[in-house]
């Protein structure tokens, strides 16, 4: 599966042991190396 810039995806959080999923905002573009296999994303949260 391939995601585009601006898509929100749910994935496991690599920094939590018991993560069931966290939303991530994809910020990489077609010009990013390894696009389609690796993505640059920001973790979204409701906490400060």
PDB file of N, CA and C in Angstrom:
ATOM      1  N   UNK A   1       0.845  -1.178   0.000  1.00  0.00           N
ATOM      2  CA  UNK A   1       0.000   0.000   0.000  1.00  0.00           C
ATOM      3  C   UNK A   1       0.886   1.236   0.000  1.00  0.00           C
ATOM      4  N   UNK A   2       0.435   2.268  -0.667  1.00  0.00           N
ATOM      5  CA  UNK A   2       1.194   3.505  -0.778  1.00  0.00           C
ATOM      6  C   UNK A   2       0.381   4.663  -0.227  1.00  0.00           C
ATOM      7  N   UNK A   3       1.018   5.507   0.550  1.00  0.00           N
ATOM      8  CA  UNK A   3       0.343   6.676   1.110  1.00  0.00           C
ATOM      9  C   UNK A   3       0.910   7.933   0.488  1.00  0.00           C
ATOM     10  N   UNK A   4       0.142   8.984   0.502  1.00  0.00           N
ATOM     11  CA  UNK A   4       0.539  10.264  -0.052  1.00  0.00           C
ATOM     12  C   UNK A   4       0.670  11.301   1.054  1.00  0.00           C
ATOM     13  N   UNK A   5       1.343  12.407   0.764  1.00  0.00           N
ATOM     14  CA  UNK A   5       1.500  13.499   1.715  1.00  0.00           C
ATOM     15  C   UNK A   5       0.126  13.988   2.168  1.00  0.00           C
ATOM     16  N   UNK A   6      -0.051  14.126   3.478  1.00  0.00           N
ATOM     17  CA  UNK A   6      -1.318  14.586   4.044  1.00  0.00           C
ATOM     18  C   UNK A   6      -2.215  13.466   4.536  1.00  0.00           C
ATOM     19  N   UNK A   7      -1.911  12.219   4.199  1.00  0.00           N
ATOM     20  CA  UNK A   7      -2.698  11.085   4.685  1.00  0.00           C
ATOM     21  C   UNK A   7      -2.436  10.870   6.168  1.00  0.00           C
ATOM     22  N   UNK A   8      -3.467  10.465   6.887  1.00  0.00           N
ATOM     23  CA  UNK A   8      -3.327  10.095   8.290  1.00  0.00           C
ATOM     24  C   UNK A   8      -3.473   8.582   8.362  1.00  0.00           C
ATOM     25  N   UNK A   9      -2.476   7.921   8.929  1.00  0.00           N
ATOM     26  CA  UNK A   9      -2.481   6.466   9.039  1.00  0.00           C
ATOM     27  C   UNK A   9      -2.334   6.071  10.497  1.00  0.00           C
ATOM     28  N   UNK A  10      -2.812   4.893  10.847  1.00  0.00           N
ATOM     29  CA  UNK A  10      -2.666   4.372  12.208  1.00  0.00           C
ATOM     30  C   UNK A  10      -1.623   3.273  12.167  1.00  0.00           C
ATOM     31  N   UNK A  11      -0.617   3.398  13.030  1.00  0.00           N
ATOM     32  CA  UNK A  11       0.475   2.424  13.088  1.00  0.00           C
ATOM     33  C   UNK A  11       0.899   2.237  14.534  1.00  0.00           C
ATOM     34  N   UNK A  12       1.647   1.185  14.796  1.00  0.00           N
ATOM     35  CA  UNK A  12       2.145   0.975  16.155  1.00  0.00           C
ATOM     36  C   UNK A  12       3.158   2.062  16.490  1.00  0.00           C
ATOM     37  N   UNK A  13       3.195   2.446  17.739  1.00  0.00           N
ATOM     38  CA  UNK A  13       4.114   3.473  18.215  1.00  0.00           C
ATOM     39  C   UNK A  13       5.417   2.803  18.636  1.00  0.00           C
ATOM     40  N   UNK A  14       6.536   3.120  17.981  1.00  0.00           N
ATOM     41  CA  UNK A  14       7.796   2.445  18.314  1.00  0.00           C
ATOM     42  C   UNK A  14       8.341   2.821  19.696  1.00  0.00           C
ATOM     43  N   UNK A  15       7.776   3.835  20.339  1.00  0.00           N
ATOM     44  CA  UNK A  15       8.288   4.274  21.635  1.00  0.00           C
ATOM     45  C   UNK A  15       7.428   3.800  22.804  1.00  0.00           C
ATOM     46  N   UNK A  16       6.400   2.994  22.545  1.00  0.00           N
ATOM     47  CA  UNK A  16       5.561   2.450  23.607  1.00  0.00           C
ATOM     48  C   UNK A  16       5.526   0.938  23.494  1.00  0.00           C
ATOM     49  N   UNK A  17       5.623   0.268  24.644  1.00  0.00           N
ATOM     50  CA  UNK A  17       5.621  -1.190  24.647  1.00  0.00           C
ATOM     51  C   UNK A  17       4.248  -1.767  24.329  1.00  0.00           C
ATOM     52  N   UNK A  18       3.189  -1.163  24.825  1.00  0.00           N
ATOM     53  CA  UNK A  18       1.846  -1.717  24.662  1.00  0.00           C
ATOM     54  C   UNK A  18       0.992  -0.865  23.721  1.00  0.00           C
ATOM     55  N   UNK A  19       1.578  -0.438  22.624  1.00  0.00           N
ATOM     56  CA  UNK A  19       0.875   0.411  21.678  1.00  0.00           C
ATOM     57  C   UNK A  19      -0.096  -0.399  20.832  1.00  0.00           C
ATOM     58  N   UNK A  20      -1.341   0.041  20.787  1.00  0.00           N
ATOM     59  CA  UNK A  20      -2.333  -0.602  19.924  1.00  0.00           C
ATOM     60  C   UNK A  20      -2.506   0.183  18.639  1.00  0.00           C
ATOM     61  N   UNK A  21      -1.892   1.325  18.562  1.00  0.00           N
ATOM     62  CA  UNK A  21      -1.956   2.129  17.360  1.00  0.00           C
ATOM     63  C   UNK A  21      -2.029   3.608  17.684  1.00  0.00           C
ATOM     64  N   UNK A  22      -1.411   4.413  16.861  1.00  0.00           N
ATOM     65  CA  UNK A  22      -1.396   5.858  17.051  1.00  0.00           C
ATOM     66  C   UNK A  22      -1.515   6.485  15.665  1.00  0.00           C
ATOM     67  N   UNK A  23      -2.233   7.603  15.560  1.00  0.00           N
ATOM     68  CA  UNK A  23      -2.321   8.254  14.253  1.00  0.00           C
ATOM     69  C   UNK A  23      -1.019   8.985  13.915  1.00  0.00           C
ATOM     70  N   UNK A  24      -0.619   8.876  12.659  1.00  0.00           N
ATOM     71  CA  UNK A  24       0.562   9.554  12.134  1.00  0.00           C
ATOM     72  C   UNK A  24       0.170  10.307  10.870  1.00  0.00           C
ATOM     73  N   UNK A  25       0.714  11.514  10.701  1.00  0.00           N
ATOM     74  CA  UNK A  25       0.503  12.319   9.516  1.00  0.00           C
ATOM     75  C   UNK A  25       1.690  12.128   8.589  1.00  0.00           C
ATOM     76  N   UNK A  26       1.447  11.678   7.368  1.00  0.00           N
ATOM     77  CA  UNK A  26       2.513  11.457   6.391  1.00  0.00           C
ATOM     78  C   UNK A  26       2.923  12.807   5.808  1.00  0.00           C
ATOM     79  N   UNK A  27       4.238  13.124   5.881  1.00  0.00           N
ATOM     80  CA  UNK A  27       4.718  14.402   5.352  1.00  0.00           C
ATOM     81  C   UNK A  27       5.712  14.213   4.205  1.00  0.00           C
ATOM     82  N   UNK A  28       6.091  12.971   3.900  1.00  0.00           N
ATOM     83  CA  UNK A  28       7.027  12.750   2.789  1.00  0.00           C
ATOM     84  C   UNK A  28       6.306  12.899   1.448  1.00  0.00           C
ATOM     85  N   UNK A  29       7.088  13.092   0.396  1.00  0.00           N
ATOM     86  CA  UNK A  29       6.543  13.273  -0.953  1.00  0.00           C
ATOM     87  C   UNK A  29       7.130  12.228  -1.895  1.00  0.00           C
ATOM     88  N   UNK A  30       6.728  12.282  -3.153  1.00  0.00           N
ATOM     89  CA  UNK A  30       7.270  11.362  -4.154  1.00  0.00           C
ATOM     90  C   UNK A  30       8.774  11.539  -4.318  1.00  0.00           C
ATOM     91  N   UNK A  31       9.290  12.726  -3.995  1.00  0.00           N
ATOM     92  CA  UNK A  31      10.714  12.997  -4.125  1.00  0.00           C
ATOM     93  C   UNK A  31      11.557  12.462  -2.986  1.00  0.00           C
ATOM     94  N   UNK A  32      10.927  11.984  -1.925  1.00  0.00           N
ATOM     95  CA  UNK A  32      11.650  11.437  -0.783  1.00  0.00           C
ATOM     96  C   UNK A  32      12.253  10.087  -1.167  1.00  0.00           C
ATOM     97  N   UNK A  33      13.530   9.860  -0.842  1.00  0.00           N
ATOM     98  CA  UNK A  33      14.129   8.559  -1.163  1.00  0.00           C
ATOM     99  C   UNK A  33      13.324   7.408  -0.558  1.00  0.00           C
ATOM    100  N   UNK A  34      13.191   6.322  -1.293  1.00  0.00           N
ATOM    101  CA  UNK A  34      12.489   5.103  -0.876  1.00  0.00           C
ATOM    102  C   UNK A  34      10.983   5.323  -0.702  1.00  0.00           C
ATOM    103  N   UNK A  35      10.404   6.327  -1.393  1.00  0.00           N
ATOM    104  CA  UNK A  35       8.964   6.568  -1.298  1.00  0.00           C
ATOM    105  C   UNK A  35       8.214   5.315  -1.720  1.00  0.00           C
ATOM    106  N   UNK A  36       7.219   4.955  -0.952  1.00  0.00           N
ATOM    107  CA  UNK A  36       6.460   3.732  -1.205  1.00  0.00           C
ATOM    108  C   UNK A  36       6.893   2.595  -0.310  1.00  0.00           C
ATOM    109  N   UNK A  37       8.086   2.693   0.247  1.00  0.00           N
ATOM    110  CA  UNK A  37       8.592   1.671   1.153  1.00  0.00           C
ATOM    111  C   UNK A  37       8.884   2.231   2.530  1.00  0.00           C
ATOM    112  N   UNK A  38       9.297   3.497   2.563  1.00  0.00           N
ATOM    113  CA  UNK A  38       9.577   4.187   3.823  1.00  0.00           C
ATOM    114  C   UNK A  38       8.968   5.578   3.736  1.00  0.00           C
ATOM    115  N   UNK A  39       8.470   6.065   4.862  1.00  0.00           N
ATOM    116  CA  UNK A  39       7.790   7.360   4.893  1.00  0.00           C
ATOM    117  C   UNK A  39       8.295   8.207   6.043  1.00  0.00           C
ATOM    118  N   UNK A  40       8.215   9.514   5.877  1.00  0.00           N
ATOM    119  CA  UNK A  40       8.479  10.456   6.962  1.00  0.00           C
ATOM    120  C   UNK A  40       7.110  10.857   7.491  1.00  0.00           C
ATOM    121  N   UNK A  41       6.909  10.708   8.810  1.00  0.00           N
ATOM    122  CA  UNK A  41       5.598  10.978   9.389  1.00  0.00           C
ATOM    123  C   UNK A  41       5.747  11.643  10.750  1.00  0.00           C
ATOM    124  N   UNK A  42       4.695  12.353  11.154  1.00  0.00           N
ATOM    125  CA  UNK A  42       4.639  12.998  12.461  1.00  0.00           C
ATOM    126  C   UNK A  42       3.585  12.302  13.308  1.00  0.00           C
ATOM    127  N   UNK A  43       3.916  12.012  14.556  1.00  0.00           N
ATOM    128  CA  UNK A  43       2.946  11.407  15.463  1.00  0.00           C
ATOM    129  C   UNK A  43       1.950  12.485  15.897  1.00  0.00           C
ATOM    130  N   UNK A  44       0.670  12.140  15.900  1.00  0.00           N
ATOM    131  CA  UNK A  44      -0.375  13.079  16.325  1.00  0.00           C
ATOM    132  C   UNK A  44      -0.812  12.722  17.739  1.00  0.00           C
ATOM    133  N   UNK A  45      -1.096  13.732  18.537  1.00  0.00           N
ATOM    134  CA  UNK A  45      -1.533  13.533  19.903  1.00  0.00           C
ATOM    135  C   UNK A  45      -2.479  14.644  20.321  1.00  0.00           C
ATOM    136  N   UNK A  46      -3.220  14.408  21.378  1.00  0.00           N
ATOM    137  CA  UNK A  46      -4.119  15.429  21.921  1.00  0.00           C
ATOM    138  C   UNK A  46      -3.567  16.010  23.220  1.00  0.00           C
ATOM    139  N   UNK A  47      -2.382  15.567  23.603  1.00  0.00           N
ATOM    140  CA  UNK A  47      -1.765  16.037  24.846  1.00  0.00           C
ATOM    141  C   UNK A  47      -0.648  17.011  24.533  1.00  0.00           C
ATOM    142  N   UNK A  48      -0.371  17.926  25.474  1.00  0.00           N
ATOM    143  CA  UNK A  48       0.722  18.874  25.283  1.00  0.00           C
ATOM    144  C   UNK A  48       2.029  18.271  25.738  1.00  0.00           C
TER     145      UNK A  48
END
